[in-house]
Amino acid sequence: MIEWRANRPKWEQIADVIRERIADGTYPPDSPVPSEHKIVQEFGVDRGTARKVLDHLRETGVTYAVRGLGSFVAGKPDQDPTDPHGSP
């Protein structure tokens, strides 16, 4: 369980945890990230908070959503998504 810092919203702290897991390879490119339900279970937050985490990660390009399937890691952090060869 995470130790919450009072000076930052919970959704930001959870997003940081997921970004760290992406960076360390726990969630490699194109793999699923936790669903709203799993975020609620793991972090003990409400669905609105979990939704905000997933929305933020998608809006910042960290993840992408596939309707009916969930959210997935967008790609290598140093990869230019417009470069088909994957060069930084």
PDB file of N, CA and C in Angstrom:
ATOM      1  N   MET A   1       0.845  -1.189   0.000  1.00  0.00           N
ATOM      2  CA  MET A   1       0.000   0.000   0.000  1.00  0.00           C
ATOM      3  C   MET A   1       0.883   1.244   0.000  1.00  0.00           C
ATOM      4  N   ILE A   2       0.442   2.243  -0.674  1.00  0.00           N
ATOM      5  CA  ILE A   2       1.181   3.488  -0.817  1.00  0.00           C
ATOM      6  C   ILE A   2       1.006   4.363   0.429  1.00  0.00           C
ATOM      7  N   GLU A   3       2.060   5.080   0.784  1.00  0.00           N
ATOM      8  CA  GLU A   3       1.951   6.073   1.854  1.00  0.00           C
ATOM      9  C   GLU A   3       1.627   7.401   1.184  1.00  0.00           C
ATOM     10  N   TRP A   4       0.424   7.896   1.443  1.00  0.00           N
ATOM     11  CA  TRP A   4      -0.046   9.110   0.778  1.00  0.00           C
ATOM     12  C   TRP A   4       0.677  10.343   1.305  1.00  0.00           C
ATOM     13  N   ARG A   5       1.057  11.217   0.391  1.00  0.00           N
ATOM     14  CA  ARG A   5       1.625  12.514   0.756  1.00  0.00           C
ATOM     15  C   ARG A   5       0.500  13.537   0.734  1.00  0.00           C
ATOM     16  N   ALA A   6       0.356  14.284   1.790  1.00  0.00           N
ATOM     17  CA  ALA A   6      -0.754  15.221   1.933  1.00  0.00           C
ATOM     18  C   ALA A   6      -0.684  16.374   0.936  1.00  0.00           C
ATOM     19  N   ASN A   7       0.491  16.680   0.427  1.00  0.00           N
ATOM     20  CA  ASN A   7       0.637  17.844  -0.444  1.00  0.00           C
ATOM     21  C   ASN A   7       0.373  17.558  -1.927  1.00  0.00           C
ATOM     22  N   ARG A   8      -0.015  16.329  -2.263  1.00  0.00           N
ATOM     23  CA  ARG A   8      -0.309  15.988  -3.663  1.00  0.00           C
ATOM     24  C   ARG A   8      -1.569  15.149  -3.734  1.00  0.00           C
ATOM     25  N   PRO A   9      -2.377  15.371  -4.774  1.00  0.00           N
ATOM     26  CA  PRO A   9      -3.590  14.553  -4.935  1.00  0.00           C
ATOM     27  C   PRO A   9      -3.239  13.076  -5.114  1.00  0.00           C
ATOM     28  N   LYS A  10      -4.103  12.222  -4.623  1.00  0.00           N
ATOM     29  CA  LYS A  10      -3.876  10.776  -4.722  1.00  0.00           C
ATOM     30  C   LYS A  10      -3.727  10.334  -6.171  1.00  0.00           C
ATOM     31  N   TRP A  11      -4.555  10.892  -7.065  1.00  0.00           N
ATOM     32  CA  TRP A  11      -4.483  10.441  -8.453  1.00  0.00           C
ATOM     33  C   TRP A  11      -3.103  10.708  -9.048  1.00  0.00           C
ATOM     34  N   GLU A  12      -2.452  11.824  -8.674  1.00  0.00           N
ATOM     35  CA  GLU A  12      -1.111  12.121  -9.184  1.00  0.00           C
ATOM     36  C   GLU A  12      -0.095  11.114  -8.648  1.00  0.00           C
ATOM     37  N   GLN A  13      -0.243  10.758  -7.374  1.00  0.00           N
ATOM     38  CA  GLN A  13       0.678   9.805  -6.768  1.00  0.00           C
ATOM     39  C   GLN A  13       0.536   8.418  -7.397  1.00  0.00           C
ATOM     40  N   ILE A  14      -0.688   8.021  -7.685  1.00  0.00           N
ATOM     41  CA  ILE A  14      -0.915   6.722  -8.338  1.00  0.00           C
ATOM     42  C   ILE A  14      -0.373   6.756  -9.759  1.00  0.00           C
ATOM     43  N   ALA A  15      -0.586   7.853 -10.468  1.00  0.00           N
ATOM     44  CA  ALA A  15      -0.045   7.985 -11.825  1.00  0.00           C
ATOM     45  C   ALA A  15       1.476   7.877 -11.799  1.00  0.00           C
ATOM     46  N   ASP A  16       2.118   8.468 -10.773  1.00  0.00           N
ATOM     47  CA  ASP A  16       3.575   8.351 -10.631  1.00  0.00           C
ATOM     48  C   ASP A  16       3.997   6.895 -10.451  1.00  0.00           C
ATOM     49  N   VAL A  17       3.257   6.148  -9.643  1.00  0.00           N
ATOM     50  CA  VAL A  17       3.573   4.733  -9.421  1.00  0.00           C
ATOM     51  C   VAL A  17       3.480   3.969 -10.738  1.00  0.00           C
ATOM     52  N   ILE A  18       2.434   4.217 -11.502  1.00  0.00           N
ATOM     53  CA  ILE A  18       2.269   3.503 -12.773  1.00  0.00           C
ATOM     54  C   ILE A  18       3.364   3.904 -13.752  1.00  0.00           C
ATOM     55  N   ARG A  19       3.717   5.201 -13.797  1.00  0.00           N
ATOM     56  CA  ARG A  19       4.824   5.639 -14.665  1.00  0.00           C
ATOM     57  C   ARG A  19       6.138   4.967 -14.251  1.00  0.00           C
ATOM     58  N   GLU A  20       6.376   4.836 -12.937  1.00  0.00           N
ATOM     59  CA  GLU A  20       7.590   4.157 -12.462  1.00  0.00           C
ATOM     60  C   GLU A  20       7.594   2.697 -12.905  1.00  0.00           C
ATOM     61  N   ARG A  21       6.451   2.056 -12.844  1.00  0.00           N
ATOM     62  CA  ARG A  21       6.359   0.654 -13.265  1.00  0.00           C
ATOM     63  C   ARG A  21       6.596   0.519 -14.767  1.00  0.00           C
ATOM     64  N   ILE A  22       6.151   1.499 -15.533  1.00  0.00           N
ATOM     65  CA  ILE A  22       6.421   1.489 -16.973  1.00  0.00           C
ATOM     66  C   ILE A  22       7.919   1.659 -17.207  1.00  0.00           C
ATOM     67  N   ALA A  23       8.532   2.602 -16.507  1.00  0.00           N
ATOM     68  CA  ALA A  23       9.960   2.874 -16.674  1.00  0.00           C
ATOM     69  C   ALA A  23      10.826   1.684 -16.286  1.00  0.00           C
ATOM     70  N   ASP A  24      10.413   0.935 -15.242  1.00  0.00           N
ATOM     71  CA  ASP A  24      11.243  -0.197 -14.807  1.00  0.00           C
ATOM     72  C   ASP A  24      10.913  -1.501 -15.545  1.00  0.00           C
ATOM     73  N   GLY A  25       9.972  -1.438 -16.497  1.00  0.00           N
ATOM     74  CA  GLY A  25       9.664  -2.607 -17.308  1.00  0.00           C
ATOM     75  C   GLY A  25       8.573  -3.505 -16.768  1.00  0.00           C
ATOM     76  N   THR A  26       7.997  -3.156 -15.618  1.00  0.00           N
ATOM     77  CA  THR A  26       6.894  -3.949 -15.092  1.00  0.00           C
ATOM     78  C   THR A  26       5.751  -3.992 -16.098  1.00  0.00           C
ATOM     79  N   TYR A  27       5.487  -2.847 -16.727  1.00  0.00           N
ATOM     80  CA  TYR A  27       4.486  -2.756 -17.805  1.00  0.00           C
ATOM     81  C   TYR A  27       5.232  -2.348 -19.075  1.00  0.00           C
ATOM     82  N   PRO A  28       5.643  -3.300 -19.901  1.00  0.00           N
ATOM     83  CA  PRO A  28       6.364  -2.968 -21.132  1.00  0.00           C
ATOM     84  C   PRO A  28       5.442  -2.341 -22.189  1.00  0.00           C
ATOM     85  N   PRO A  29       6.016  -1.763 -23.241  1.00  0.00           N
ATOM     86  CA  PRO A  29       5.205  -1.153 -24.298  1.00  0.00           C
ATOM     87  C   PRO A  29       4.141  -2.117 -24.824  1.00  0.00           C
ATOM     88  N   ASP A  30       2.962  -1.566 -25.034  1.00  0.00           N
ATOM     89  CA  ASP A  30       1.792  -2.273 -25.565  1.00  0.00           C
ATOM     90  C   ASP A  30       1.193  -3.302 -24.607  1.00  0.00           C
ATOM     91  N   SER A  31       1.669  -3.344 -23.363  1.00  0.00           N
ATOM     92  CA  SER A  31       1.056  -4.233 -22.372  1.00  0.00           C
ATOM     93  C   SER A  31      -0.035  -3.468 -21.626  1.00  0.00           C
ATOM     94  N   PRO A  32      -0.995  -4.190 -21.064  1.00  0.00           N
ATOM     95  CA  PRO A  32      -2.067  -3.505 -20.344  1.00  0.00           C
ATOM     96  C   PRO A  32      -1.572  -2.907 -19.026  1.00  0.00           C
ATOM     97  N   VAL A  33      -2.147  -1.772 -18.675  1.00  0.00           N
ATOM     98  CA  VAL A  33      -1.948  -1.197 -17.342  1.00  0.00           C
ATOM     99  C   VAL A  33      -3.177  -1.559 -16.520  1.00  0.00           C
ATOM    100  N   PRO A  34      -3.111  -1.414 -15.203  1.00  0.00           N
ATOM    101  CA  PRO A  34      -4.255  -1.810 -14.384  1.00  0.00           C
ATOM    102  C   PRO A  34      -5.544  -1.088 -14.783  1.00  0.00           C
ATOM    103  N   SER A  35      -6.633  -1.817 -14.705  1.00  0.00           N
ATOM    104  CA  SER A  35      -7.959  -1.257 -14.981  1.00  0.00           C
ATOM    105  C   SER A  35      -8.399  -0.382 -13.816  1.00  0.00           C
ATOM    106  N   GLU A  36      -9.494   0.351 -14.010  1.00  0.00           N
ATOM    107  CA  GLU A  36     -10.071   1.136 -12.915  1.00  0.00           C
ATOM    108  C   GLU A  36     -10.287   0.240 -11.703  1.00  0.00           C
ATOM    109  N   HIS A  37     -10.878  -0.915 -11.941  1.00  0.00           N
ATOM    110  CA  HIS A  37     -11.199  -1.832 -10.853  1.00  0.00           C
ATOM    111  C   HIS A  37      -9.936  -2.247 -10.087  1.00  0.00           C
ATOM    112  N   LYS A  38      -8.867  -2.565 -10.816  1.00  0.00           N
ATOM    113  CA  LYS A  38      -7.633  -2.991 -10.154  1.00  0.00           C
ATOM    114  C   LYS A  38      -6.979  -1.844  -9.401  1.00  0.00           C
ATOM    115  N   ILE A  39      -7.063  -0.622  -9.935  1.00  0.00           N
ATOM    116  CA  ILE A  39      -6.526   0.540  -9.223  1.00  0.00           C
ATOM    117  C   ILE A  39      -7.302   0.759  -7.927  1.00  0.00           C
ATOM    118  N   VAL A  40      -8.627   0.640  -7.997  1.00  0.00           N
ATOM    119  CA  VAL A  40      -9.466   0.771  -6.797  1.00  0.00           C
ATOM    120  C   VAL A  40      -9.030  -0.256  -5.756  1.00  0.00           C
ATOM    121  N   GLN A  41      -8.850  -1.499  -6.172  1.00  0.00           N
ATOM    122  CA  GLN A  41      -8.468  -2.565  -5.234  1.00  0.00           C
ATOM    123  C   GLN A  41      -7.067  -2.349  -4.657  1.00  0.00           C
ATOM    124  N   GLU A  42      -6.106  -2.068  -5.516  1.00  0.00           N
ATOM    125  CA  GLU A  42      -4.717  -1.959  -5.057  1.00  0.00           C
ATOM    126  C   GLU A  42      -4.471  -0.744  -4.175  1.00  0.00           C
ATOM    127  N   PHE A  43      -5.060   0.398  -4.544  1.00  0.00           N
ATOM    128  CA  PHE A  43      -4.732   1.642  -3.850  1.00  0.00           C
ATOM    129  C   PHE A  43      -5.813   2.106  -2.875  1.00  0.00           C
ATOM    130  N   GLY A  44      -6.941   1.427  -2.850  1.00  0.00           N
ATOM    131  CA  GLY A  44      -7.995   1.777  -1.904  1.00  0.00           C
ATOM    132  C   GLY A  44      -8.629   3.139  -2.161  1.00  0.00           C
ATOM    133  N   VAL A  45      -8.788   3.490  -3.441  1.00  0.00           N
ATOM    134  CA  VAL A  45      -9.400   4.764  -3.813  1.00  0.00           C
ATOM    135  C   VAL A  45     -10.742   4.496  -4.493  1.00  0.00           C
ATOM    136  N   ASP A  46     -11.510   5.555  -4.733  1.00  0.00           N
ATOM    137  CA  ASP A  46     -12.797   5.369  -5.415  1.00  0.00           C
ATOM    138  C   ASP A  46     -12.603   5.338  -6.926  1.00  0.00           C
ATOM    139  N   ARG A  47     -13.652   4.934  -7.625  1.00  0.00           N
ATOM    140  CA  ARG A  47     -13.564   4.793  -9.095  1.00  0.00           C
ATOM    141  C   ARG A  47     -13.265   6.105  -9.794  1.00  0.00           C
ATOM    142  N   GLY A  48     -13.783   7.201  -9.256  1.00  0.00           N
ATOM    143  CA  GLY A  48     -13.510   8.508  -9.860  1.00  0.00           C
ATOM    144  C   GLY A  48     -12.029   8.828  -9.864  1.00  0.00           C
ATOM    145  N   THR A  49     -11.362   8.499  -8.768  1.00  0.00           N
ATOM    146  CA  THR A  49      -9.917   8.714  -8.683  1.00  0.00           C
ATOM    147  C   THR A  49      -9.193   7.817  -9.673  1.00  0.00           C
ATOM    148  N   ALA A  50      -9.588   6.553  -9.731  1.00  0.00           N
ATOM    149  CA  ALA A  50      -8.962   5.614 -10.667  1.00  0.00           C
ATOM    150  C   ALA A  50      -9.161   6.072 -12.105  1.00  0.00           C
ATOM    151  N   ARG A  51     -10.349   6.555 -12.422  1.00  0.00           N
ATOM    152  CA  ARG A  51     -10.637   7.042 -13.769  1.00  0.00           C
ATOM    153  C   ARG A  51      -9.750   8.246 -14.104  1.00  0.00           C
ATOM    154  N   LYS A  52      -9.569   9.134 -13.118  1.00  0.00           N
ATOM    155  CA  LYS A  52      -8.738  10.314 -13.346  1.00  0.00           C
ATOM    156  C   LYS A  52      -7.289   9.910 -13.631  1.00  0.00           C
ATOM    157  N   VAL A  53      -6.791   8.893 -12.937  1.00  0.00           N
ATOM    158  CA  VAL A  53      -5.440   8.378 -13.187  1.00  0.00           C
ATOM    159  C   VAL A  53      -5.323   7.928 -14.641  1.00  0.00           C
ATOM    160  N   LEU A  54      -6.247   7.075 -15.074  1.00  0.00           N
ATOM    161  CA  LEU A  54      -6.183   6.533 -16.431  1.00  0.00           C
ATOM    162  C   LEU A  54      -6.374   7.625 -17.484  1.00  0.00           C
ATOM    163  N   ASP A  55      -7.278   8.561 -17.232  1.00  0.00           N
ATOM    164  CA  ASP A  55      -7.480   9.680 -18.167  1.00  0.00           C
ATOM    165  C   ASP A  55      -6.211  10.515 -18.293  1.00  0.00           C
ATOM    166  N   HIS A  56      -5.577  10.808 -17.161  1.00  0.00           N
ATOM    167  CA  HIS A  56      -4.357  11.621 -17.167  1.00  0.00           C
ATOM    168  C   HIS A  56      -3.232  10.920 -17.932  1.00  0.00           C
ATOM    169  N   LEU A  57      -3.048   9.631 -17.671  1.00  0.00           N
ATOM    170  CA  LEU A  57      -1.989   8.897 -18.368  1.00  0.00           C
ATOM    171  C   LEU A  57      -2.238   8.874 -19.872  1.00  0.00           C
ATOM    172  N   ARG A  58      -3.503   8.738 -20.262  1.00  0.00           N
ATOM    173  CA  ARG A  58      -3.835   8.744 -21.690  1.00  0.00           C
ATOM    174  C   ARG A  58      -3.611  10.131 -22.289  1.00  0.00           C
ATOM    175  N   GLU A  59      -4.084  11.169 -21.595  1.00  0.00           N
ATOM    176  CA  GLU A  59      -3.964  12.544 -22.107  1.00  0.00           C
ATOM    177  C   GLU A  59      -2.515  12.994 -22.233  1.00  0.00           C
ATOM    178  N   THR A  60      -1.632  12.448 -21.412  1.00  0.00           N
ATOM    179  CA  THR A  60      -0.217  12.828 -21.468  1.00  0.00           C
ATOM    180  C   THR A  60       0.602  11.911 -22.368  1.00  0.00           C
ATOM    181  N   GLY A  61      -0.059  10.959 -23.039  1.00  0.00           N
ATOM    182  CA  GLY A  61       0.618  10.108 -24.007  1.00  0.00           C
ATOM    183  C   GLY A  61       1.352   8.921 -23.419  1.00  0.00           C
ATOM    184  N   VAL A  62       1.174   8.669 -22.125  1.00  0.00           N
ATOM    185  CA  VAL A  62       1.844   7.537 -21.486  1.00  0.00           C
ATOM    186  C   VAL A  62       1.148   6.234 -21.862  1.00  0.00           C
ATOM    187  N   THR A  63      -0.178   6.290 -21.993  1.00  0.00           N
ATOM    188  CA  THR A  63      -0.961   5.115 -22.358  1.00  0.00           C
ATOM    189  C   THR A  63      -1.911   5.467 -23.495  1.00  0.00           C
ATOM    190  N   TYR A  64      -2.513   4.436 -24.058  1.00  0.00           N
ATOM    191  CA  TYR A  64      -3.589   4.623 -25.031  1.00  0.00           C
ATOM    192  C   TYR A  64      -4.698   3.642 -24.671  1.00  0.00           C
ATOM    193  N   ALA A  65      -5.909   3.977 -25.043  1.00  0.00           N
ATOM    194  CA  ALA A  65      -7.057   3.135 -24.710  1.00  0.00           C
ATOM    195  C   ALA A  65      -7.583   2.456 -25.962  1.00  0.00           C
ATOM    196  N   VAL A  66      -8.012   1.218 -25.798  1.00  0.00           N
ATOM    197  CA  VAL A  66      -8.681   0.469 -26.855  1.00  0.00           C
ATOM    198  C   VAL A  66     -10.073   0.137 -26.327  1.00  0.00           C
ATOM    199  N   ARG A  67     -11.071   0.674 -27.001  1.00  0.00           N
ATOM    200  CA  ARG A  67     -12.444   0.490 -26.540  1.00  0.00           C
ATOM    201  C   ARG A  67     -12.761  -0.986 -26.325  1.00  0.00           C
ATOM    202  N   GLY A  68     -13.258  -1.282 -25.152  1.00  0.00           N
ATOM    203  CA  GLY A  68     -13.632  -2.641 -24.812  1.00  0.00           C
ATOM    204  C   GLY A  68     -12.495  -3.517 -24.314  1.00  0.00           C
ATOM    205  N   LEU A  69     -11.256  -3.042 -24.431  1.00  0.00           N
ATOM    206  CA  LEU A  69     -10.106  -3.843 -24.006  1.00  0.00           C
ATOM    207  C   LEU A  69      -9.337  -3.238 -22.838  1.00  0.00           C
ATOM    208  N   GLY A  70      -9.299  -1.915 -22.736  1.00  0.00           N
ATOM    209  CA  GLY A  70      -8.593  -1.275 -21.627  1.00  0.00           C
ATOM    210  C   GLY A  70      -7.527  -0.320 -22.084  1.00  0.00           C
ATOM    211  N   SER A  71      -6.618  -0.020 -21.171  1.00  0.00           N
ATOM    212  CA  SER A  71      -5.520   0.917 -21.422  1.00  0.00           C
ATOM    213  C   SER A  71      -4.205   0.164 -21.512  1.00  0.00           C
ATOM    214  N   PHE A  72      -3.335   0.640 -22.409  1.00  0.00           N
ATOM    215  CA  PHE A  72      -2.072  -0.028 -22.690  1.00  0.00           C
ATOM    216  C   PHE A  72      -0.943   0.986 -22.707  1.00  0.00           C
ATOM    217  N   VAL A  73       0.275   0.523 -22.400  1.00  0.00           N
ATOM    218  CA  VAL A  73       1.457   1.378 -22.421  1.00  0.00           C
ATOM    219  C   VAL A  73       1.695   1.832 -23.859  1.00  0.00           C
ATOM    220  N   ALA A  74       1.916   3.131 -24.031  1.00  0.00           N
ATOM    221  CA  ALA A  74       2.002   3.722 -25.358  1.00  0.00           C
ATOM    222  C   ALA A  74       3.239   3.327 -26.136  1.00  0.00           C
ATOM    223  N   GLY A  75       4.333   3.107 -25.535  1.00  0.00           N
ATOM    224  CA  GLY A  75       5.556   2.780 -26.244  1.00  0.00           C
ATOM    225  C   GLY A  75       6.739   3.171 -25.403  1.00  0.00           C
ATOM    226  N   LYS A  76       7.916   3.034 -25.953  1.00  0.00           N
ATOM    227  CA  LYS A  76       9.111   3.383 -25.205  1.00  0.00           C
ATOM    228  C   LYS A  76       9.074   4.873 -24.881  1.00  0.00           C
ATOM    229  N   PRO A  77       9.439   5.250 -23.653  1.00  0.00           N
ATOM    230  CA  PRO A  77       9.396   6.653 -23.278  1.00  0.00           C
ATOM    231  C   PRO A  77      10.246   7.555 -24.163  1.00  0.00           C
ATOM    232  N   ASP A  78      11.360   7.030 -24.714  1.00  0.00           N
ATOM    233  CA  ASP A  78      12.225   7.856 -25.551  1.00  0.00           C
ATOM    234  C   ASP A  78      11.907   7.717 -27.038  1.00  0.00           C
ATOM    235  N   GLN A  79      10.854   6.994 -27.355  1.00  0.00           N
ATOM    236  CA  GLN A  79      10.485   6.761 -28.746  1.00  0.00           C
ATOM    237  C   GLN A  79       9.569   7.852 -29.257  1.00  0.00           C
ATOM    238  N   ASP A  80       9.871   8.370 -30.427  1.00  0.00           N
ATOM    239  CA  ASP A  80       9.021   9.353 -31.086  1.00  0.00           C
ATOM    240  C   ASP A  80       7.882   8.587 -31.749  1.00  0.00           C
ATOM    241  N   PRO A  81       6.624   8.802 -31.304  1.00  0.00           N
ATOM    242  CA  PRO A  81       5.515   8.019 -31.859  1.00  0.00           C
ATOM    243  C   PRO A  81       5.285   8.253 -33.347  1.00  0.00           C
ATOM    244  N   THR A  82       5.869   9.325 -33.920  1.00  0.00           N
ATOM    245  CA  THR A  82       5.694   9.590 -35.351  1.00  0.00           C
ATOM    246  C   THR A  82       6.777   8.907 -36.188  1.00  0.00           C
ATOM    247  N   ASP A  83       7.795   8.327 -35.532  1.00  0.00           N
ATOM    248  CA  ASP A  83       8.898   7.674 -36.244  1.00  0.00           C
ATOM    249  C   ASP A  83       8.623   6.176 -36.330  1.00  0.00           C
ATOM    250  N   PRO A  84       8.335   5.651 -37.528  1.00  0.00           N
ATOM    251  CA  PRO A  84       8.009   4.227 -37.656  1.00  0.00           C
ATOM    252  C   PRO A  84       9.182   3.298 -37.324  1.00  0.00           C
ATOM    253  N   HIS A  85      10.399   3.841 -37.256  1.00  0.00           N
ATOM    254  CA  HIS A  85      11.578   3.014 -36.959  1.00  0.00           C
ATOM    255  C   HIS A  85      11.928   3.008 -35.486  1.00  0.00           C
ATOM    256  N   GLY A  86      11.201   3.789 -34.674  1.00  0.00           N
ATOM    257  CA  GLY A  86      11.399   3.762 -33.236  1.00  0.00           C
ATOM    258  C   GLY A  86      12.622   4.489 -32.740  1.00  0.00           C
ATOM    259  N   SER A  87      13.205   5.381 -33.562  1.00  0.00           N
ATOM    260  CA  SER A  87      14.386   6.129 -33.117  1.00  0.00           C
ATOM    261  C   SER A  87      13.982   7.265 -32.195  1.00  0.00           C
ATOM    262  N   PRO A  88      14.826   7.563 -31.185  1.00  0.00           N
ATOM    263  CA  PRO A  88      14.513   8.686 -30.290  1.00  0.00           C
ATOM    264  C   PRO A  88      14.627  10.021 -30.995  1.00  0.00           C
TER     265      PRO A  88
END
